[in-house]
Amino acid sequence: MTTAVETAVRPWGAGRLAPYPTVTHRPYASVTLDPDTQLGIYADHTGKAIEMGKHGTSSGTETSTNTNSDSAPDQGHDQDSQQD
């Protein structure tokens, strides 16, 4: 009868690990979802709602072009965006 000897093998990715970056403390303790507006409500450690600042909105457009419709089409496109 043969017995198998198990040897511990270090996972290949363990040598690629690095320490976590510096911790960033957030000004809120929890986030809940307002069922009416579907927006997040941020609360501090006492449960009081806090303002997390505003964010902008953006919009973009994309147009496509065909330059050769009788044989192999040559297509291109153009993009632009606006942010406020």
PDB file of N, CA and C in Angstrom:
ATOM      1  N   MET A   1       0.834  -1.165   0.000  1.00  0.00           N
ATOM      2  CA  MET A   1       0.000   0.000   0.000  1.00  0.00           C
ATOM      3  C   MET A   1       0.891   1.244   0.000  1.00  0.00           C
ATOM      4  N   THR A   2       0.554   2.206  -0.870  1.00  0.00           N
ATOM      5  CA  THR A   2       1.338   3.430  -0.996  1.00  0.00           C
ATOM      6  C   THR A   2       0.575   4.569  -0.342  1.00  0.00           C
ATOM      7  N   THR A   3       1.280   5.384   0.418  1.00  0.00           N
ATOM      8  CA  THR A   3       0.647   6.550   1.037  1.00  0.00           C
ATOM      9  C   THR A   3       1.134   7.799   0.313  1.00  0.00           C
ATOM     10  N   ALA A   4       0.202   8.682   0.074  1.00  0.00           N
ATOM     11  CA  ALA A   4       0.545   9.946  -0.588  1.00  0.00           C
ATOM     12  C   ALA A   4       0.943  10.969   0.461  1.00  0.00           C
ATOM     13  N   VAL A   5       2.005  11.641   0.186  1.00  0.00           N
ATOM     14  CA  VAL A   5       2.481  12.685   1.073  1.00  0.00           C
ATOM     15  C   VAL A   5       2.089  14.027   0.448  1.00  0.00           C
ATOM     16  N   GLU A   6       1.308  14.814   1.165  1.00  0.00           N
ATOM     17  CA  GLU A   6       0.907  16.115   0.664  1.00  0.00           C
ATOM     18  C   GLU A   6       1.924  17.159   1.092  1.00  0.00           C
ATOM     19  N   THR A   7       2.334  17.937   0.144  1.00  0.00           N
ATOM     20  CA  THR A   7       3.237  19.025   0.465  1.00  0.00           C
ATOM     21  C   THR A   7       2.500  20.336   0.224  1.00  0.00           C
ATOM     22  N   ALA A   8       2.687  21.275   1.085  1.00  0.00           N
ATOM     23  CA  ALA A   8       2.037  22.571   0.950  1.00  0.00           C
ATOM     24  C   ALA A   8       2.663  23.321  -0.208  1.00  0.00           C
ATOM     25  N   VAL A   9       1.822  23.773  -1.093  1.00  0.00           N
ATOM     26  CA  VAL A   9       2.282  24.531  -2.248  1.00  0.00           C
ATOM     27  C   VAL A   9       1.753  25.950  -2.111  1.00  0.00           C
ATOM     28  N   ARG A  10       2.639  26.891  -2.208  1.00  0.00           N
ATOM     29  CA  ARG A  10       2.242  28.293  -2.109  1.00  0.00           C
ATOM     30  C   ARG A  10       1.499  28.685  -3.382  1.00  0.00           C
ATOM     31  N   PRO A  11       0.334  29.337  -3.261  1.00  0.00           N
ATOM     32  CA  PRO A  11      -0.389  29.771  -4.460  1.00  0.00           C
ATOM     33  C   PRO A  11       0.475  30.673  -5.324  1.00  0.00           C
ATOM     34  N   TRP A  12       0.357  30.520  -6.646  1.00  0.00           N
ATOM     35  CA  TRP A  12       1.235  31.254  -7.553  1.00  0.00           C
ATOM     36  C   TRP A  12       1.064  32.767  -7.424  1.00  0.00           C
ATOM     37  N   GLY A  13      -0.122  33.246  -7.084  1.00  0.00           N
ATOM     38  CA  GLY A  13      -0.358  34.677  -7.006  1.00  0.00           C
ATOM     39  C   GLY A  13       0.110  35.307  -5.706  1.00  0.00           C
ATOM     40  N   ALA A  14       0.478  34.507  -4.720  1.00  0.00           N
ATOM     41  CA  ALA A  14       0.862  35.049  -3.417  1.00  0.00           C
ATOM     42  C   ALA A  14       2.093  35.947  -3.512  1.00  0.00           C
ATOM     43  N   GLY A  15       2.966  35.683  -4.431  1.00  0.00           N
ATOM     44  CA  GLY A  15       4.159  36.504  -4.593  1.00  0.00           C
ATOM     45  C   GLY A  15       3.861  37.855  -5.218  1.00  0.00           C
ATOM     46  N   ARG A  16       2.660  38.013  -5.785  1.00  0.00           N
ATOM     47  CA  ARG A  16       2.294  39.274  -6.426  1.00  0.00           C
ATOM     48  C   ARG A  16       1.533  40.195  -5.491  1.00  0.00           C
ATOM     49  N   LEU A  17       1.233  39.753  -4.297  1.00  0.00           N
ATOM     50  CA  LEU A  17       0.470  40.559  -3.357  1.00  0.00           C
ATOM     51  C   LEU A  17       1.283  41.751  -2.867  1.00  0.00           C
ATOM     52  N   ALA A  18       0.573  42.816  -2.581  1.00  0.00           N
ATOM     53  CA  ALA A  18       1.209  44.015  -2.061  1.00  0.00           C
ATOM     54  C   ALA A  18       0.349  44.543  -0.931  1.00  0.00           C
ATOM     55  N   PRO A  19       0.906  45.345  -0.051  1.00  0.00           N
ATOM     56  CA  PRO A  19       0.092  45.915   1.029  1.00  0.00           C
ATOM     57  C   PRO A  19      -1.032  46.773   0.465  1.00  0.00           C
ATOM     58  N   TYR A  20      -2.126  46.853   1.201  1.00  0.00           N
ATOM     59  CA  TYR A  20      -3.224  47.720   0.798  1.00  0.00           C
ATOM     60  C   TYR A  20      -2.759  49.164   0.793  1.00  0.00           C
ATOM     61  N   PRO A  21      -3.315  49.977  -0.117  1.00  0.00           N
ATOM     62  CA  PRO A  21      -2.949  51.396  -0.118  1.00  0.00           C
ATOM     63  C   PRO A  21      -3.487  52.075   1.137  1.00  0.00           C
ATOM     64  N   THR A  22      -3.092  53.295   1.317  1.00  0.00           N
ATOM     65  CA  THR A  22      -3.527  54.057   2.479  1.00  0.00           C
ATOM     66  C   THR A  22      -5.049  54.094   2.543  1.00  0.00           C
ATOM     67  N   VAL A  23      -5.589  53.926   3.718  1.00  0.00           N
ATOM     68  CA  VAL A  23      -7.030  53.906   3.916  1.00  0.00           C
ATOM     69  C   VAL A  23      -7.578  55.322   3.814  1.00  0.00           C
ATOM     70  N   THR A  24      -8.693  55.462   3.129  1.00  0.00           N
ATOM     71  CA  THR A  24      -9.376  56.748   3.016  1.00  0.00           C
ATOM     72  C   THR A  24     -10.638  56.678   3.855  1.00  0.00           C
ATOM     73  N   HIS A  25     -10.793  57.602   4.775  1.00  0.00           N
ATOM     74  CA  HIS A  25     -11.979  57.628   5.620  1.00  0.00           C
ATOM     75  C   HIS A  25     -13.072  58.423   4.922  1.00  0.00           C
ATOM     76  N   ARG A  26     -14.234  57.804   4.801  1.00  0.00           N
ATOM     77  CA  ARG A  26     -15.373  58.444   4.163  1.00  0.00           C
ATOM     78  C   ARG A  26     -16.157  59.245   5.185  1.00  0.00           C
ATOM     79  N   PRO A  27     -16.813  60.334   4.763  1.00  0.00           N
ATOM     80  CA  PRO A  27     -17.572  61.156   5.700  1.00  0.00           C
ATOM     81  C   PRO A  27     -18.928  60.558   6.045  1.00  0.00           C
ATOM     82  N   TYR A  28     -19.235  59.386   5.534  1.00  0.00           N
ATOM     83  CA  TYR A  28     -20.514  58.762   5.832  1.00  0.00           C
ATOM     84  C   TYR A  28     -20.298  57.372   6.420  1.00  0.00           C
ATOM     85  N   ALA A  29     -21.319  56.893   7.111  1.00  0.00           N
ATOM     86  CA  ALA A  29     -21.223  55.570   7.723  1.00  0.00           C
ATOM     87  C   ALA A  29     -22.097  54.553   7.010  1.00  0.00           C
ATOM     88  N   SER A  30     -23.164  55.014   6.353  1.00  0.00           N
ATOM     89  CA  SER A  30     -24.041  54.088   5.642  1.00  0.00           C
ATOM     90  C   SER A  30     -24.724  54.802   4.488  1.00  0.00           C
ATOM     91  N   VAL A  31     -25.221  54.006   3.560  1.00  0.00           N
ATOM     92  CA  VAL A  31     -25.970  54.513   2.425  1.00  0.00           C
ATOM     93  C   VAL A  31     -27.220  53.662   2.298  1.00  0.00           C
ATOM     94  N   THR A  32     -28.371  54.319   2.175  1.00  0.00           N
ATOM     95  CA  THR A  32     -29.621  53.613   1.928  1.00  0.00           C
ATOM     96  C   THR A  32     -30.234  54.174   0.657  1.00  0.00           C
ATOM     97  N   LEU A  33     -31.204  53.465   0.126  1.00  0.00           N
ATOM     98  CA  LEU A  33     -31.837  53.867  -1.114  1.00  0.00           C
ATOM     99  C   LEU A  33     -33.228  54.401  -0.837  1.00  0.00           C
ATOM    100  N   ASP A  34     -33.485  55.625  -1.314  1.00  0.00           N
ATOM    101  CA  ASP A  34     -34.820  56.214  -1.193  1.00  0.00           C
ATOM    102  C   ASP A  34     -35.712  55.525  -2.228  1.00  0.00           C
ATOM    103  N   PRO A  35     -36.780  54.844  -1.787  1.00  0.00           N
ATOM    104  CA  PRO A  35     -37.601  54.086  -2.735  1.00  0.00           C
ATOM    105  C   PRO A  35     -38.350  54.969  -3.726  1.00  0.00           C
ATOM    106  N   ASP A  36     -38.606  56.215  -3.389  1.00  0.00           N
ATOM    107  CA  ASP A  36     -39.341  57.102  -4.297  1.00  0.00           C
ATOM    108  C   ASP A  36     -38.440  57.688  -5.380  1.00  0.00           C
ATOM    109  N   THR A  37     -37.277  58.164  -5.000  1.00  0.00           N
ATOM    110  CA  THR A  37     -36.396  58.821  -5.964  1.00  0.00           C
ATOM    111  C   THR A  37     -35.325  57.893  -6.524  1.00  0.00           C
ATOM    112  N   GLN A  38     -35.113  56.732  -5.884  1.00  0.00           N
ATOM    113  CA  GLN A  38     -34.061  55.788  -6.275  1.00  0.00           C
ATOM    114  C   GLN A  38     -32.673  56.406  -6.152  1.00  0.00           C
ATOM    115  N   LEU A  39     -32.520  57.373  -5.255  1.00  0.00           N
ATOM    116  CA  LEU A  39     -31.232  57.999  -4.991  1.00  0.00           C
ATOM    117  C   LEU A  39     -30.681  57.506  -3.664  1.00  0.00           C
ATOM    118  N   GLY A  40     -29.370  57.514  -3.535  1.00  0.00           N
ATOM    119  CA  GLY A  40     -28.742  57.118  -2.284  1.00  0.00           C
ATOM    120  C   GLY A  40     -28.867  58.211  -1.237  1.00  0.00           C
ATOM    121  N   ILE A  41     -29.141  57.801  -0.005  1.00  0.00           N
ATOM    122  CA  ILE A  41     -29.174  58.727   1.123  1.00  0.00           C
ATOM    123  C   ILE A  41     -27.994  58.366   2.015  1.00  0.00           C
ATOM    124  N   TYR A  42     -27.075  59.288   2.145  1.00  0.00           N
ATOM    125  CA  TYR A  42     -25.874  59.063   2.941  1.00  0.00           C
ATOM    126  C   TYR A  42     -26.137  59.527   4.368  1.00  0.00           C
ATOM    127  N   ALA A  43     -25.703  58.739   5.332  1.00  0.00           N
ATOM    128  CA  ALA A  43     -25.908  59.079   6.738  1.00  0.00           C
ATOM    129  C   ALA A  43     -24.579  58.995   7.478  1.00  0.00           C
ATOM    130  N   ASP A  44     -24.403  59.880   8.452  1.00  0.00           N
ATOM    131  CA  ASP A  44     -23.192  59.824   9.269  1.00  0.00           C
ATOM    132  C   ASP A  44     -23.352  58.758  10.343  1.00  0.00           C
ATOM    133  N   HIS A  45     -22.379  58.658  11.237  1.00  0.00           N
ATOM    134  CA  HIS A  45     -22.392  57.600  12.252  1.00  0.00           C
ATOM    135  C   HIS A  45     -23.528  57.754  13.262  1.00  0.00           C
ATOM    136  N   THR A  46     -24.167  58.934  13.308  1.00  0.00           N
ATOM    137  CA  THR A  46     -25.304  59.123  14.212  1.00  0.00           C
ATOM    138  C   THR A  46     -26.637  58.858  13.526  1.00  0.00           C
ATOM    139  N   GLY A  47     -26.610  58.613  12.204  1.00  0.00           N
ATOM    140  CA  GLY A  47     -27.826  58.366  11.454  1.00  0.00           C
ATOM    141  C   GLY A  47     -28.397  59.591  10.780  1.00  0.00           C
ATOM    142  N   LYS A  48     -27.745  60.737  10.959  1.00  0.00           N
ATOM    143  CA  LYS A  48     -28.211  61.983  10.357  1.00  0.00           C
ATOM    144  C   LYS A  48     -27.815  62.012   8.883  1.00  0.00           C
ATOM    145  N   ALA A  49     -28.783  62.374   8.012  1.00  0.00           N
ATOM    146  CA  ALA A  49     -28.506  62.468   6.577  1.00  0.00           C
ATOM    147  C   ALA A  49     -27.511  63.589   6.312  1.00  0.00           C
ATOM    148  N   ILE A  50     -26.548  63.336   5.454  1.00  0.00           N
ATOM    149  CA  ILE A  50     -25.535  64.334   5.119  1.00  0.00           C
ATOM    150  C   ILE A  50     -25.488  64.525   3.610  1.00  0.00           C
ATOM    151  N   GLU A  51     -25.073  65.704   3.198  1.00  0.00           N
ATOM    152  CA  GLU A  51     -24.946  66.034   1.786  1.00  0.00           C
ATOM    153  C   GLU A  51     -23.600  65.532   1.279  1.00  0.00           C
ATOM    154  N   MET A  52     -23.613  64.832   0.169  1.00  0.00           N
ATOM    155  CA  MET A  52     -22.375  64.310  -0.395  1.00  0.00           C
ATOM    156  C   MET A  52     -21.893  65.113  -1.594  1.00  0.00           C
ATOM    157  N   GLY A  53     -22.472  66.281  -1.796  1.00  0.00           N
ATOM    158  CA  GLY A  53     -22.037  67.105  -2.914  1.00  0.00           C
ATOM    159  C   GLY A  53     -22.837  66.778  -4.158  1.00  0.00           C
ATOM    160  N   LYS A  54     -22.698  67.609  -5.118  1.00  0.00           N
ATOM    161  CA  LYS A  54     -23.429  67.440  -6.371  1.00  0.00           C
ATOM    162  C   LYS A  54     -22.531  66.813  -7.414  1.00  0.00           C
ATOM    163  N   HIS A  55     -23.152  66.198  -8.376  1.00  0.00           N
ATOM    164  CA  HIS A  55     -22.388  65.687  -9.504  1.00  0.00           C
ATOM    165  C   HIS A  55     -23.017  66.221 -10.779  1.00  0.00           C
ATOM    166  N   GLY A  56     -22.222  66.329 -11.788  1.00  0.00           N
ATOM    167  CA  GLY A  56     -22.695  66.865 -13.050  1.00  0.00           C
ATOM    168  C   GLY A  56     -23.382  65.805 -13.888  1.00  0.00           C
ATOM    169  N   THR A  57     -23.973  66.243 -14.939  1.00  0.00           N
ATOM    170  CA  THR A  57     -24.568  65.339 -15.901  1.00  0.00           C
ATOM    171  C   THR A  57     -23.831  65.508 -17.218  1.00  0.00           C
ATOM    172  N   SER A  58     -23.907  64.502 -18.031  1.00  0.00           N
ATOM    173  CA  SER A  58     -23.247  64.592 -19.326  1.00  0.00           C
ATOM    174  C   SER A  58     -24.145  63.993 -20.396  1.00  0.00           C
ATOM    175  N   SER A  59     -23.899  64.419 -21.605  1.00  0.00           N
ATOM    176  CA  SER A  59     -24.619  63.861 -22.742  1.00  0.00           C
ATOM    177  C   SER A  59     -23.635  63.735 -23.887  1.00  0.00           C
ATOM    178  N   GLY A  60     -23.928  62.840 -24.785  1.00  0.00           N
ATOM    179  CA  GLY A  60     -23.038  62.641 -25.909  1.00  0.00           C
ATOM    180  C   GLY A  60     -23.814  62.272 -27.155  1.00  0.00           C
ATOM    181  N   THR A  61     -23.208  62.500 -28.286  1.00  0.00           N
ATOM    182  CA  THR A  61     -23.804  62.116 -29.551  1.00  0.00           C
ATOM    183  C   THR A  61     -22.763  61.370 -30.367  1.00  0.00           C
ATOM    184  N   GLU A  62     -23.247  60.494 -31.230  1.00  0.00           N
ATOM    185  CA  GLU A  62     -22.353  59.761 -32.120  1.00  0.00           C
ATOM    186  C   GLU A  62     -23.036  59.662 -33.468  1.00  0.00           C
ATOM    187  N   THR A  63     -22.315  59.999 -34.507  1.00  0.00           N
ATOM    188  CA  THR A  63     -22.853  59.892 -35.857  1.00  0.00           C
ATOM    189  C   THR A  63     -21.981  58.924 -36.640  1.00  0.00           C
ATOM    190  N   SER A  64     -22.623  58.159 -37.514  1.00  0.00           N
ATOM    191  CA  SER A  64     -21.851  57.252 -38.350  1.00  0.00           C
ATOM    192  C   SER A  64     -21.983  57.684 -39.803  1.00  0.00           C
ATOM    193  N   THR A  65     -20.978  57.364 -40.583  1.00  0.00           N
ATOM    194  CA  THR A  65     -20.971  57.752 -41.991  1.00  0.00           C
ATOM    195  C   THR A  65     -20.629  56.550 -42.851  1.00  0.00           C
ATOM    196  N   ASN A  66     -21.254  56.476 -44.011  1.00  0.00           N
ATOM    197  CA  ASN A  66     -20.889  55.508 -45.045  1.00  0.00           C
ATOM    198  C   ASN A  66     -20.393  56.300 -46.238  1.00  0.00           C
ATOM    199  N   THR A  67     -19.180  56.010 -46.699  1.00  0.00           N
ATOM    200  CA  THR A  67     -18.622  56.796 -47.792  1.00  0.00           C
ATOM    201  C   THR A  67     -18.646  56.068 -49.120  1.00  0.00           C
ATOM    202  N   ASN A  68     -18.965  54.782 -49.121  1.00  0.00           N
ATOM    203  CA  ASN A  68     -18.961  54.024 -50.368  1.00  0.00           C
ATOM    204  C   ASN A  68     -20.086  53.008 -50.288  1.00  0.00           C
ATOM    205  N   SER A  69     -21.195  53.256 -50.964  1.00  0.00           N
ATOM    206  CA  SER A  69     -22.346  52.368 -50.837  1.00  0.00           C
ATOM    207  C   SER A  69     -22.468  51.354 -51.965  1.00  0.00           C
ATOM    208  N   ASP A  70     -21.631  51.445 -53.023  1.00  0.00           N
ATOM    209  CA  ASP A  70     -21.789  50.519 -54.144  1.00  0.00           C
ATOM    210  C   ASP A  70     -20.868  49.303 -54.066  1.00  0.00           C
ATOM    211  N   SER A  71     -19.820  49.329 -53.274  1.00  0.00           N
ATOM    212  CA  SER A  71     -18.972  48.146 -53.091  1.00  0.00           C
ATOM    213  C   SER A  71     -18.764  47.948 -51.600  1.00  0.00           C
ATOM    214  N   ALA A  72     -17.586  47.627 -51.204  1.00  0.00           N
ATOM    215  CA  ALA A  72     -17.317  47.421 -49.777  1.00  0.00           C
ATOM    216  C   ALA A  72     -17.455  48.756 -49.053  1.00  0.00           C
ATOM    217  N   PRO A  73     -18.422  48.847 -48.122  1.00  0.00           N
ATOM    218  CA  PRO A  73     -18.622  50.140 -47.460  1.00  0.00           C
ATOM    219  C   PRO A  73     -17.441  50.529 -46.568  1.00  0.00           C
ATOM    220  N   ASP A  74     -17.124  51.796 -46.612  1.00  0.00           N
ATOM    221  CA  ASP A  74     -16.090  52.353 -45.752  1.00  0.00           C
ATOM    222  C   ASP A  74     -16.812  53.161 -44.681  1.00  0.00           C
ATOM    223  N   GLN A  75     -16.779  52.694 -43.469  1.00  0.00           N
ATOM    224  CA  GLN A  75     -17.539  53.341 -42.408  1.00  0.00           C
ATOM    225  C   GLN A  75     -16.634  54.114 -41.467  1.00  0.00           C
ATOM    226  N   GLY A  76     -17.196  55.169 -40.923  1.00  0.00           N
ATOM    227  CA  GLY A  76     -16.504  55.953 -39.913  1.00  0.00           C
ATOM    228  C   GLY A  76     -17.522  56.459 -38.922  1.00  0.00           C
ATOM    229  N   HIS A  77     -17.079  57.087 -37.866  1.00  0.00           N
ATOM    230  CA  HIS A  77     -18.003  57.675 -36.902  1.00  0.00           C
ATOM    231  C   HIS A  77     -17.344  58.862 -36.220  1.00  0.00           C
ATOM    232  N   ASP A  78     -18.193  59.672 -35.628  1.00  0.00           N
ATOM    233  CA  ASP A  78     -17.747  60.879 -34.966  1.00  0.00           C
ATOM    234  C   ASP A  78     -18.416  60.939 -33.603  1.00  0.00           C
ATOM    235  N   GLN A  79     -17.717  61.387 -32.585  1.00  0.00           N
ATOM    236  CA  GLN A  79     -18.271  61.458 -31.240  1.00  0.00           C
ATOM    237  C   GLN A  79     -17.998  62.819 -30.635  1.00  0.00           C
ATOM    238  N   ASP A  80     -18.953  63.284 -29.822  1.00  0.00           N
ATOM    239  CA  ASP A  80     -18.695  64.466 -29.012  1.00  0.00           C
ATOM    240  C   ASP A  80     -19.462  64.322 -27.703  1.00  0.00           C
ATOM    241  N   SER A  81     -19.070  65.091 -26.715  1.00  0.00           N
ATOM    242  CA  SER A  81     -19.728  65.008 -25.418  1.00  0.00           C
ATOM    243  C   SER A  81     -19.716  66.384 -24.756  1.00  0.00           C
ATOM    244  N   GLN A  82     -20.679  66.541 -23.845  1.00  0.00           N
ATOM    245  CA  GLN A  82     -20.768  67.765 -23.059  1.00  0.00           C
ATOM    246  C   GLN A  82     -20.957  67.391 -21.609  1.00  0.00           C
ATOM    247  N   GLN A  83     -20.331  68.112 -20.725  1.00  0.00           N
ATOM    248  CA  GLN A  83     -20.487  67.866 -19.299  1.00  0.00           C
ATOM    249  C   GLN A  83     -20.679  69.185 -18.585  1.00  0.00           C
ATOM    250  N   ASP A  84     -21.623  69.182 -17.619  1.00  0.00           N
ATOM    251  CA  ASP A  84     -21.824  70.394 -16.824  1.00  0.00           C
ATOM    252  C   ASP A  84     -21.601  70.122 -15.369  1.00  0.00           C
TER     253      ASP A  84
END
